[in-house]
């Protein structure tokens, strides 16, 4: 019975990590390229 909360917490950590990865993959990619103050020397 003592490990019930640990099992729930471990499952919550795994689920929240999967949600973070899914959100980051679903987010539209930023366009690459030079902008005004990027410091690339162009």
PDB file of N, CA and C in Angstrom:
ATOM      1  N   UNK A   1       0.807  -1.200   0.000  1.00  0.00           N
ATOM      2  CA  UNK A   1       0.000   0.000   0.000  1.00  0.00           C
ATOM      3  C   UNK A   1       0.847   1.259   0.000  1.00  0.00           C
ATOM      4  N   UNK A   2       2.015   1.187   0.568  1.00  0.00           N
ATOM      5  CA  UNK A   2       2.873   2.363   0.670  1.00  0.00           C
ATOM      6  C   UNK A   2       3.371   2.823  -0.690  1.00  0.00           C
ATOM      7  N   UNK A   3       3.519   1.903  -1.627  1.00  0.00           N
ATOM      8  CA  UNK A   3       4.062   2.278  -2.928  1.00  0.00           C
ATOM      9  C   UNK A   3       2.987   2.729  -3.912  1.00  0.00           C
ATOM     10  N   UNK A   4       1.727   2.787  -3.499  1.00  0.00           N
ATOM     11  CA  UNK A   4       0.668   3.238  -4.401  1.00  0.00           C
ATOM     12  C   UNK A   4       0.892   4.667  -4.863  1.00  0.00           C
ATOM     13  N   UNK A   5       1.272   5.543  -3.971  1.00  0.00           N
ATOM     14  CA  UNK A   5       1.481   6.941  -4.359  1.00  0.00           C
ATOM     15  C   UNK A   5       2.707   7.070  -5.243  1.00  0.00           C
ATOM     16  N   UNK A   6       3.722   6.203  -5.048  1.00  0.00           N
ATOM     17  CA  UNK A   6       4.911   6.254  -5.895  1.00  0.00           C
ATOM     18  C   UNK A   6       4.592   5.799  -7.310  1.00  0.00           C
ATOM     19  N   UNK A   7       3.751   4.794  -7.433  1.00  0.00           N
ATOM     20  CA  UNK A   7       3.331   4.331  -8.752  1.00  0.00           C
ATOM     21  C   UNK A   7       2.538   5.410  -9.475  1.00  0.00           C
ATOM     22  N   UNK A   8       1.623   6.039  -8.760  1.00  0.00           N
ATOM     23  CA  UNK A   8       0.832   7.118  -9.351  1.00  0.00           C
ATOM     24  C   UNK A   8       1.729   8.283  -9.762  1.00  0.00           C
ATOM     25  N   UNK A   9       2.692   8.644  -8.921  1.00  0.00           N
ATOM     26  CA  UNK A   9       3.592   9.751  -9.224  1.00  0.00           C
ATOM     27  C   UNK A   9       4.472   9.432 -10.431  1.00  0.00           C
ATOM     28  N   UNK A  10       4.976   8.219 -10.519  1.00  0.00           N
ATOM     29  CA  UNK A  10       5.797   7.816 -11.663  1.00  0.00           C
ATOM     30  C   UNK A  10       4.986   7.863 -12.956  1.00  0.00           C
ATOM     31  N   UNK A  11       3.743   7.388 -12.905  1.00  0.00           N
ATOM     32  CA  UNK A  11       2.885   7.438 -14.088  1.00  0.00           C
ATOM     33  C   UNK A  11       2.588   8.880 -14.480  1.00  0.00           C
ATOM     34  N   UNK A  12       2.388   9.750 -13.500  1.00  0.00           N
ATOM     35  CA  UNK A  12       2.119  11.161 -13.789  1.00  0.00           C
ATOM     36  C   UNK A  12       3.328  11.823 -14.439  1.00  0.00           C
ATOM     37  N   UNK A  13       4.525  11.476 -13.990  1.00  0.00           N
ATOM     38  CA  UNK A  13       5.742  12.041 -14.588  1.00  0.00           C
ATOM     39  C   UNK A  13       5.886  11.585 -16.033  1.00  0.00           C
ATOM     40  N   UNK A  14       5.630  10.314 -16.290  1.00  0.00           N
ATOM     41  CA  UNK A  14       5.732   9.790 -17.654  1.00  0.00           C
ATOM     42  C   UNK A  14       4.710  10.443 -18.570  1.00  0.00           C
ATOM     43  N   UNK A  15       3.478  10.562 -18.109  1.00  0.00           N
ATOM     44  CA  UNK A  15       2.426  11.173 -18.924  1.00  0.00           C
ATOM     45  C   UNK A  15       2.734  12.637 -19.202  1.00  0.00           C
ATOM     46  N   UNK A  16       3.186  13.368 -18.189  1.00  0.00           N
ATOM     47  CA  UNK A  16       3.485  14.792 -18.407  1.00  0.00           C
ATOM     48  C   UNK A  16       4.667  14.966 -19.359  1.00  0.00           C
ATOM     49  N   UNK A  17       5.652  14.078 -19.303  1.00  0.00           N
ATOM     50  CA  UNK A  17       6.768  14.142 -20.242  1.00  0.00           C
ATOM     51  C   UNK A  17       6.297  13.882 -21.667  1.00  0.00           C
ATOM     52  N   UNK A  18       5.426  12.910 -21.844  1.00  0.00           N
ATOM     53  CA  UNK A  18       4.882  12.630 -23.174  1.00  0.00           C
ATOM     54  C   UNK A  18       4.068  13.802 -23.705  1.00  0.00           C
ATOM     55  N   UNK A  19       3.331  14.463 -22.844  1.00  0.00           N
ATOM     56  CA  UNK A  19       2.545  15.634 -23.261  1.00  0.00           C
ATOM     57  C   UNK A  19       3.473  16.757 -23.708  1.00  0.00           C
ATOM     58  N   UNK A  20       4.549  16.984 -22.971  1.00  0.00           N
ATOM     59  CA  UNK A  20       5.500  18.038 -23.350  1.00  0.00           C
ATOM     60  C   UNK A  20       6.111  17.735 -24.708  1.00  0.00           C
ATOM     61  N   UNK A  21       6.529  16.487 -24.945  1.00  0.00           N
ATOM     62  CA  UNK A  21       7.093  16.131 -26.247  1.00  0.00           C
ATOM     63  C   UNK A  21       6.071  16.288 -27.362  1.00  0.00           C
ATOM     64  N   UNK A  22       4.833  15.899 -27.123  1.00  0.00           N
ATOM     65  CA  UNK A  22       3.794  16.011 -28.148  1.00  0.00           C
ATOM     66  C   UNK A  22       3.517  17.473 -28.487  1.00  0.00           C
ATOM     67  N   UNK A  23       3.483  18.328 -27.485  1.00  0.00           N
ATOM     68  CA  UNK A  23       3.236  19.756 -27.724  1.00  0.00           C
ATOM     69  C   UNK A  23       4.388  20.358 -28.510  1.00  0.00           C
ATOM     70  N   UNK A  24       5.609  19.989 -28.165  1.00  0.00           N
ATOM     71  CA  UNK A  24       6.764  20.540 -28.879  1.00  0.00           C
ATOM     72  C   UNK A  24       6.811  20.067 -30.321  1.00  0.00           C
ATOM     73  N   UNK A  25       6.381  18.838 -30.585  1.00  0.00           N
ATOM     74  CA  UNK A  25       6.354  18.340 -31.957  1.00  0.00           C
ATOM     75  C   UNK A  25       5.227  18.970 -32.760  1.00  0.00           C
ATOM     76  N   UNK A  26       4.110  19.271 -32.123  1.00  0.00           N
ATOM     77  CA  UNK A  26       2.955  19.816 -32.820  1.00  0.00           C
ATOM     78  C   UNK A  26       3.085  21.312 -33.075  1.00  0.00           C
ATOM     79  N   UNK A  27       3.936  21.974 -32.319  1.00  0.00           N
ATOM     80  CA  UNK A  27       4.106  23.423 -32.482  1.00  0.00           C
ATOM     81  C   UNK A  27       4.725  23.719 -33.845  1.00  0.00           C
ATOM     82  N   UNK A  28       4.241  24.732 -34.531  1.00  0.00           N
ATOM     83  CA  UNK A  28       4.817  25.063 -35.844  1.00  0.00           C
ATOM     84  C   UNK A  28       6.281  25.489 -35.703  1.00  0.00           C
ATOM     85  N   UNK A  29       7.049  25.097 -36.663  1.00  0.00           N
ATOM     86  CA  UNK A  29       8.480  25.414 -36.649  1.00  0.00           C
ATOM     87  C   UNK A  29       8.700  26.888 -36.976  1.00  0.00           C
ATOM     88  N   UNK A  30       9.697  27.462 -36.327  1.00  0.00           N
ATOM     89  CA  UNK A  30      10.049  28.848 -36.636  1.00  0.00           C
ATOM     90  C   UNK A  30      10.836  28.867 -37.940  1.00  0.00           C
ATOM     91  N   UNK A  31      10.608  29.886 -38.719  1.00  0.00           N
ATOM     92  CA  UNK A  31      11.324  30.011 -39.980  1.00  0.00           C
ATOM     93  C   UNK A  31      12.775  30.382 -39.686  1.00  0.00           C
ATOM     94  N   UNK A  32      13.679  29.679 -40.338  1.00  0.00           N
ATOM     95  CA  UNK A  32      15.084  30.001 -40.157  1.00  0.00           C
ATOM     96  C   UNK A  32      15.461  31.117 -41.118  1.00  0.00           C
ATOM     97  N   UNK A  33      16.517  31.769 -40.824  1.00  0.00           N
ATOM     98  CA  UNK A  33      16.967  32.842 -41.680  1.00  0.00           C
ATOM     99  C   UNK A  33      17.495  33.982 -40.857  1.00  0.00           C
ATOM    100  N   UNK A  34      18.103  34.898 -41.528  1.00  0.00           N
ATOM    101  CA  UNK A  34      18.720  36.022 -40.853  1.00  0.00           C
ATOM    102  C   UNK A  34      17.663  37.074 -40.522  1.00  0.00           C
ATOM    103  N   UNK A  35      17.747  37.570 -39.329  1.00  0.00           N
ATOM    104  CA  UNK A  35      16.875  38.666 -38.915  1.00  0.00           C
ATOM    105  C   UNK A  35      17.749  39.877 -38.636  1.00  0.00           C
ATOM    106  N   UNK A  36      17.154  40.943 -38.223  1.00  0.00           N
ATOM    107  CA  UNK A  36      17.887  42.209 -38.106  1.00  0.00           C
ATOM    108  C   UNK A  36      19.073  42.148 -37.155  1.00  0.00           C
ATOM    109  N   UNK A  37      18.868  41.679 -35.951  1.00  0.00           N
ATOM    110  CA  UNK A  37      19.922  41.729 -34.940  1.00  0.00           C
ATOM    111  C   UNK A  37      20.427  40.350 -34.560  1.00  0.00           C
ATOM    112  N   UNK A  38      20.724  39.521 -35.540  1.00  0.00           N
ATOM    113  CA  UNK A  38      21.158  38.170 -35.221  1.00  0.00           C
ATOM    114  C   UNK A  38      22.660  38.089 -34.960  1.00  0.00           C
ATOM    115  N   UNK A  39      23.429  39.076 -35.426  1.00  0.00           N
ATOM    116  CA  UNK A  39      24.871  39.081 -35.199  1.00  0.00           C
ATOM    117  C   UNK A  39      25.638  38.198 -36.151  1.00  0.00           C
ATOM    118  N   UNK A  40      25.050  37.836 -37.293  1.00  0.00           N
ATOM    119  CA  UNK A  40      25.733  36.942 -38.217  1.00  0.00           C
ATOM    120  C   UNK A  40      26.661  37.680 -39.174  1.00  0.00           C
ATOM    121  N   UNK A  41      26.630  39.001 -39.195  1.00  0.00           N
ATOM    122  CA  UNK A  41      27.554  39.762 -40.030  1.00  0.00           C
ATOM    123  C   UNK A  41      27.029  40.054 -41.422  1.00  0.00           C
ATOM    124  N   UNK A  42      25.780  39.757 -41.712  1.00  0.00           N
ATOM    125  CA  UNK A  42      25.255  40.038 -43.052  1.00  0.00           C
ATOM    126  C   UNK A  42      24.713  41.451 -43.109  1.00  0.00           C
TER     127      UNK A  42
END
